[in-house]
Amino acid sequence: MAAAAAYWLAEHPAIVGFRWSPTHLWFSTWAFLLGSLAAYVFLCLALDAALSLAAAATAPRPPNRRRAPLAVPLGPLPAAHALLMAAASSAIFAGTLLSAVAEIRDTRWSWRGRSHTTPLRWLLCFPPGTRSSGRVFFWSYAYYLSRYIHAARGVFAVLRRRRGAAARVFAHAASVAMAFLWLEFSQSFQVLAILASTLAHAVALGYRFWVGAGLPAAGGGARGAAPVALACQLGLLGCNLACHVGVVWMHFGAVGGGCSGIGAWVFNTLLNAALLWVFLHCYGKRGVFDDDGGVAGGVPAAVATAKEL
């Protein structure tokens, strides 16, 4: 069983022979990336405007009171989507982990006697000239494709009239862009980033499905998902911070020649900083509704929803 899983997740010819190519792969061109992100943002803005107009037409605002938002009931769709994303994240996590182990195993001969090149340093800092081909980049491509599916949670937030929906839409668009840059520029650190992100999403979204399906959960109801999402997000933020420090150290001192894709890594870091700033600026001093309807307050609640787990 384990051998079969290893074959299908790390040794299949399509995985071993993968190569990032704008002419042979779906969704792999700059034109598609920019066009799809523009369409995504436009769709969310159009839905928000339409719901605002519908709310104004059907429910005139009472004197001295705010107009209640017109939310669209989505039924079991968010829970089903959470299950889909939890399953996809689990598969990508397993595939990336097995592929990284296989890559380290197959290239171990080239590290013998070289103190400046180790498996850990390879995980943080690809050598300059690294091409987006092979096992780990196959799963990086799978992760990139999954970001488009995950972006549906931003649409859900708009339809359900969640507070901070605009920030969630921005977070999902940024996530798609960052995953594209990882492949386009063979960016260092992406293996650990994918492992941390997919593990956090598998746990948090799996729990969201559990709660959304009405199954018994600690904390009760939708509120029960918030602490799990918070714990996953804090763990993800801590891992990313440690890895970013490691990349800086290796690129500027520990590894001769620097790391692959450092320009994309800088842009990635700026996007992450922008996401954190938006979250702190918008939600740090007030309560927010989480994705499943629970209410939480303060900075920790905002962290839990910053990247919409």
Protein backbone atom coordinates (compact mmCIF):
# COMPACT_ATOMS: atom_id res chain seq x y z
CA MET A 1 0.00 0.00 0.00
CA ALA A 2 2.78 2.40 0.94
CA ALA A 3 4.71 1.51 -2.21
CA ALA A 4 1.65 2.15 -4.37
CA ALA A 5 1.08 5.52 -2.70
CA ALA A 6 4.73 6.47 -3.18
CA TYR A 7 4.52 5.56 -6.87
CA TRP A 8 1.38 7.55 -7.60
CA LEU A 9 2.49 10.54 -5.52
CA ALA A 10 6.21 10.75 -6.32
CA GLU A 11 7.41 8.19 -8.85
CA HIS A 12 4.84 8.31 -11.64
CA PRO A 13 6.49 9.33 -14.95
CA ALA A 14 4.19 12.33 -15.31
CA ILE A 15 5.40 13.60 -11.92
CA VAL A 16 9.09 12.84 -12.40
CA GLY A 17 9.10 14.31 -15.91
CA PHE A 18 7.07 17.42 -15.11
CA ARG A 19 8.25 20.71 -16.59
CA TRP A 20 6.65 24.13 -16.14
CA SER A 21 5.81 25.42 -19.59
CA PRO A 22 3.59 28.36 -20.60
CA THR A 23 2.79 26.61 -23.88
CA HIS A 24 1.90 23.12 -22.66
CA LEU A 25 0.15 23.59 -19.31
CA TRP A 26 -3.21 25.02 -18.34
CA PHE A 27 -3.35 28.43 -16.65
CA SER A 28 0.41 28.92 -17.06
CA THR A 29 0.66 32.27 -18.88
CA TRP A 30 0.89 35.79 -17.54
CA ALA A 31 -2.08 36.77 -19.68
CA PHE A 32 -4.27 34.12 -18.09
CA LEU A 33 -3.10 34.99 -14.58
CA LEU A 34 -3.79 38.70 -14.94
CA GLY A 35 -7.05 38.16 -16.81
CA SER A 36 -8.40 35.64 -14.31
CA LEU A 37 -7.51 37.79 -11.31
CA ALA A 38 -9.13 40.83 -12.94
CA ALA A 39 -12.26 38.78 -13.69
CA TYR A 40 -12.31 37.44 -10.12
CA VAL A 41 -12.11 40.89 -8.57
CA PHE A 42 -14.69 42.27 -11.03
CA LEU A 43 -17.08 39.40 -10.23
CA CYS A 44 -16.81 40.01 -6.50
CA LEU A 45 -17.33 43.75 -6.95
CA ALA A 46 -20.33 43.17 -9.22
CA LEU A 47 -21.91 40.72 -6.76
CA ASP A 48 -21.37 43.14 -3.89
CA ALA A 49 -22.92 46.01 -5.84
CA ALA A 50 -25.89 43.89 -6.95
CA LEU A 51 -26.59 42.73 -3.39
CA SER A 52 -26.32 46.30 -2.11
CA LEU A 53 -28.83 47.51 -4.70
CA ALA A 54 -31.16 44.61 -3.93
CA ALA A 55 -30.97 45.37 -0.21
CA ALA A 56 -31.76 49.04 -0.85
CA ALA A 57 -34.74 48.16 -3.04
CA THR A 58 -36.30 45.52 -0.79
CA ALA A 59 -35.61 46.88 2.68
CA PRO A 60 -35.61 50.69 3.03
CA ARG A 61 -33.40 51.84 5.88
CA PRO A 62 -35.29 52.78 9.07
CA PRO A 63 -34.49 56.19 10.59
CA ASN A 64 -31.22 56.27 12.55
CA ARG A 65 -30.49 52.62 11.80
CA ARG A 66 -28.10 50.89 9.47
CA ARG A 67 -29.57 48.92 6.59
CA ALA A 68 -29.30 45.16 7.14
CA PRO A 69 -27.16 43.45 4.47
CA LEU A 70 -28.90 41.14 2.04
CA ALA A 71 -27.13 37.79 2.35
CA VAL A 72 -27.51 34.88 -0.06
CA PRO A 73 -28.10 31.53 1.69
CA LEU A 74 -25.59 28.99 0.39
CA GLY A 75 -26.82 25.93 2.24
CA PRO A 76 -24.29 23.06 2.31
CA LEU A 77 -22.09 24.57 -0.43
CA PRO A 78 -19.44 26.09 1.91
CA ALA A 79 -19.16 22.82 3.85
CA ALA A 80 -18.83 20.80 0.63
CA HIS A 81 -16.19 23.21 -0.65
CA ALA A 82 -14.30 22.93 2.65
CA LEU A 83 -14.29 19.15 2.29
CA LEU A 84 -13.01 19.39 -1.28
CA MET A 85 -10.21 21.76 -0.29
CA ALA A 86 -9.28 19.68 2.76
CA ALA A 87 -8.96 16.58 0.56
CA ALA A 88 -6.97 18.45 -2.11
CA SER A 89 -4.68 19.99 0.51
CA SER A 90 -4.05 16.57 2.08
CA ALA A 91 -3.13 15.07 -1.30
CA ILE A 92 -0.80 17.97 -2.16
CA PHE A 93 0.84 17.79 1.28
CA ALA A 94 1.48 14.04 0.92
CA GLY A 95 2.71 14.39 -2.65
CA THR A 96 5.04 17.28 -1.83
CA LEU A 97 6.47 15.50 1.21
CA LEU A 98 7.13 12.24 -0.65
CA SER A 99 8.53 14.11 -3.65
CA ALA A 100 10.90 16.16 -1.49
CA VAL A 101 12.13 12.98 0.19
CA ALA A 102 12.65 11.36 -3.22
CA GLU A 103 14.53 14.39 -4.57
CA ILE A 104 16.82 14.42 -1.53
CA ARG A 105 17.41 10.69 -1.88
CA ASP A 106 18.21 10.88 -5.61
CA THR A 107 20.66 13.80 -5.30
CA ARG A 108 22.34 12.86 -2.02
CA TRP A 109 25.46 11.77 -3.90
CA SER A 110 26.09 15.36 -5.00
CA TRP A 111 26.09 16.60 -1.39
CA ARG A 112 28.75 14.25 -0.05
CA GLY A 113 31.82 16.17 0.97
CA ARG A 114 30.15 19.55 0.38
CA SER A 115 29.52 21.26 3.70
CA HIS A 116 27.65 24.16 2.10
CA THR A 117 24.90 22.03 0.53
CA THR A 118 22.53 19.99 2.69
CA PRO A 119 18.92 18.83 2.34
CA LEU A 120 17.72 21.55 4.74
CA ARG A 121 19.48 24.26 2.78
CA TRP A 122 18.04 22.89 -0.45
CA LEU A 123 14.54 23.13 1.05
CA LEU A 124 15.14 26.79 1.90
CA CYS A 125 17.41 27.87 -0.93
CA PHE A 126 17.33 26.37 -4.43
CA PRO A 127 20.68 26.80 -6.23
CA PRO A 128 20.75 29.59 -8.85
CA GLY A 129 19.67 28.34 -12.25
CA THR A 130 17.16 25.85 -10.85
CA ARG A 131 14.43 25.10 -13.38
CA SER A 132 10.79 24.46 -12.52
CA SER A 133 10.84 20.78 -13.37
CA GLY A 134 10.60 17.50 -11.52
CA ARG A 135 8.59 16.12 -8.64
CA VAL A 136 8.31 19.06 -6.25
CA PHE A 137 7.38 21.45 -9.04
CA PHE A 138 4.61 19.10 -10.18
CA TRP A 139 3.03 19.49 -6.75
CA SER A 140 3.76 23.20 -6.77
CA TYR A 141 1.70 23.33 -9.98
CA ALA A 142 -1.07 21.32 -8.31
CA TYR A 143 -0.98 23.79 -5.41
CA TYR A 144 -1.21 26.70 -7.86
CA LEU A 145 -4.29 25.18 -9.52
CA SER A 146 -5.90 24.59 -6.12
CA ARG A 147 -5.64 28.32 -5.34
CA TYR A 148 -8.26 29.01 -8.01
CA ILE A 149 -10.66 26.60 -6.33
CA HIS A 150 -9.85 27.98 -2.91
CA ALA A 151 -10.64 31.50 -4.16
CA ALA A 152 -14.32 30.54 -4.18
CA ARG A 153 -14.30 31.23 -0.43
CA GLY A 154 -13.89 34.90 -1.24
CA VAL A 155 -17.03 34.74 -3.38
CA PHE A 156 -18.82 32.98 -0.50
CA ALA A 157 -17.83 35.82 1.82
CA VAL A 158 -19.29 38.39 -0.60
CA LEU A 159 -22.53 36.44 -1.10
CA ARG A 160 -22.98 35.95 2.64
CA ARG A 161 -22.15 39.63 3.24
CA ARG A 162 -19.36 38.88 5.68
CA ARG A 163 -17.54 41.81 7.20
CA GLY A 164 -14.10 42.13 5.66
CA ALA A 165 -15.07 40.35 2.45
CA ALA A 166 -12.93 42.74 0.38
CA ALA A 167 -9.82 41.82 2.35
CA ARG A 168 -10.57 38.13 1.86
CA VAL A 169 -10.91 38.61 -1.90
CA PHE A 170 -7.56 40.42 -1.94
CA ALA A 171 -5.96 37.62 0.09
CA HIS A 172 -7.15 34.94 -2.32
CA ALA A 173 -6.02 36.92 -5.38
CA ALA A 174 -2.59 37.42 -3.79
CA SER A 175 -2.36 33.70 -3.00
CA VAL A 176 -2.94 32.80 -6.66
CA ALA A 177 -0.33 35.33 -7.80
CA MET A 178 2.27 34.09 -5.33
CA ALA A 179 1.79 30.44 -6.34
CA PHE A 180 2.28 31.45 -9.98
CA LEU A 181 5.51 33.29 -9.15
CA TRP A 182 6.86 30.22 -7.36
CA LEU A 183 6.69 28.29 -10.62
CA GLU A 184 7.58 31.06 -13.04
CA PHE A 185 10.81 31.97 -11.22
CA SER A 186 11.70 28.66 -9.46
CA GLN A 187 11.41 30.49 -6.18
CA SER A 188 13.29 29.17 -3.17
CA PHE A 189 11.47 28.15 0.03
CA GLN A 190 8.33 27.08 -1.80
CA VAL A 191 8.56 23.42 -0.74
CA LEU A 192 8.36 24.26 2.96
CA ALA A 193 5.74 26.93 2.25
CA ILE A 194 3.52 24.42 0.43
CA LEU A 195 3.95 21.82 3.17
CA ALA A 196 3.02 24.29 5.91
CA SER A 197 0.13 25.84 3.99
CA THR A 198 -1.48 22.58 2.88
CA LEU A 199 -1.18 21.04 6.34
CA ALA A 200 -2.84 24.08 7.91
CA HIS A 201 -5.59 24.11 5.28
CA ALA A 202 -6.22 20.38 5.58
CA VAL A 203 -6.75 20.66 9.35
CA ALA A 204 -8.67 23.95 9.38
CA LEU A 205 -10.92 23.24 6.40
CA GLY A 206 -11.48 19.66 7.47
CA TYR A 207 -12.70 20.99 10.79
CA ARG A 208 -14.84 23.59 9.03
CA PHE A 209 -16.49 20.81 7.05
CA TRP A 210 -17.05 18.85 10.26
CA VAL A 211 -18.74 21.85 11.88
CA GLY A 212 -20.60 22.88 8.72
CA ALA A 213 -22.02 19.38 8.30
CA GLY A 214 -23.56 19.62 11.77
CA LEU A 215 -21.35 16.95 13.33
CA PRO A 216 -20.53 17.25 17.06
CA ALA A 217 -17.48 19.42 17.69
CA ALA A 218 -15.73 21.00 20.63
CA GLY A 219 -16.92 24.55 21.21
CA GLY A 220 -20.29 23.93 19.61
CA GLY A 221 -21.61 25.33 16.34
CA ALA A 222 -19.75 27.63 14.02
CA ARG A 223 -17.82 29.21 16.87
CA GLY A 224 -15.99 25.94 17.36
CA ALA A 225 -14.09 26.33 14.09
CA ALA A 226 -12.55 29.68 15.02
CA PRO A 227 -9.98 28.39 17.61
CA VAL A 228 -8.85 25.65 15.20
CA ALA A 229 -8.43 28.15 12.35
CA LEU A 230 -6.58 30.49 14.72
CA ALA A 231 -4.17 27.76 15.86
CA CYS A 232 -3.48 26.72 12.25
CA GLN A 233 -2.95 30.30 11.12
CA LEU A 234 -0.59 31.12 13.98
CA GLY A 235 1.42 27.97 13.27
CA LEU A 236 1.57 28.86 9.58
CA LEU A 237 2.67 32.43 10.31
CA GLY A 238 5.38 31.22 12.67
CA CYS A 239 6.70 28.70 10.13
CA ASN A 240 6.72 31.26 7.33
CA LEU A 241 8.57 33.80 9.49
CA ALA A 242 11.26 31.28 10.44
CA CYS A 243 11.68 30.21 6.80
CA HIS A 244 11.92 33.80 5.57
CA VAL A 245 14.70 34.45 8.07
CA GLY A 246 16.47 31.30 6.86
CA VAL A 247 16.24 32.38 3.22
CA VAL A 248 17.71 35.81 4.01
CA TRP A 249 20.56 34.25 5.97
CA MET A 250 21.40 31.78 3.22
CA HIS A 251 21.08 34.17 0.31
CA PHE A 252 23.29 36.87 1.79
CA GLY A 253 25.82 34.81 3.70
CA ALA A 254 25.61 31.07 4.04
CA VAL A 255 25.33 30.00 0.40
CA GLY A 256 27.70 31.19 -2.29
CA GLY A 257 25.90 32.57 -5.33
CA GLY A 258 22.63 33.23 -3.55
CA CYS A 259 19.25 31.54 -3.94
CA SER A 260 17.05 30.95 -6.97
CA GLY A 261 14.10 33.28 -7.56
CA ILE A 262 15.08 35.83 -4.93
CA GLY A 263 13.32 38.64 -6.80
CA ALA A 264 10.03 36.73 -6.71
CA TRP A 265 10.70 35.94 -3.06
CA VAL A 266 10.97 39.66 -2.28
CA PHE A 267 7.65 40.31 -4.03
CA ASN A 268 6.15 37.35 -2.17
CA THR A 269 7.34 38.84 1.12
CA LEU A 270 5.83 42.23 0.28
CA LEU A 271 2.47 40.60 -0.54
CA ASN A 272 2.52 38.72 2.75
CA ALA A 273 3.30 41.95 4.60
CA ALA A 274 0.43 43.69 2.79
CA LEU A 275 -1.97 40.91 3.78
CA LEU A 276 -0.92 41.18 7.41
CA TRP A 277 -1.22 44.98 7.35
CA VAL A 278 -4.70 44.87 5.79
CA PHE A 279 -5.80 42.42 8.40
CA LEU A 280 -4.41 44.37 11.35
CA HIS A 281 -5.67 47.70 9.99
CA CYS A 282 -9.18 46.50 9.21
CA TYR A 283 -9.89 44.02 11.98
CA GLY A 284 -7.49 44.57 14.83
CA LYS A 285 -9.80 46.79 16.88
CA ARG A 286 -13.19 45.23 16.27
CA GLY A 287 -14.94 41.88 16.19
CA VAL A 288 -15.32 40.08 12.90
CA PHE A 289 -17.49 37.31 11.56
CA ASP A 290 -15.50 34.25 10.64
CA ASP A 291 -16.17 32.30 7.48
CA ASP A 292 -18.74 30.02 9.03
CA GLY A 293 -20.73 32.64 10.85
CA GLY A 294 -19.14 32.60 14.29
CA VAL A 295 -18.32 35.89 15.96
CA ALA A 296 -14.91 36.60 17.39
CA GLY A 297 -13.15 39.74 18.49
CA GLY A 298 -9.71 41.29 18.67
CA VAL A 299 -6.47 40.75 16.82
CA PRO A 300 -6.38 36.93 17.13
CA ALA A 301 -9.74 36.62 15.37
CA ALA A 302 -8.46 38.75 12.53
CA VAL A 303 -5.36 36.61 12.19
CA ALA A 304 -7.57 33.56 11.87
CA THR A 305 -9.42 35.08 8.92
CA ALA A 306 -6.56 37.00 7.27
CA LYS A 307 -5.85 34.30 4.71
CA GLU A 308 -9.29 32.71 4.89
CA LEU A 309 -8.38 29.18 5.95
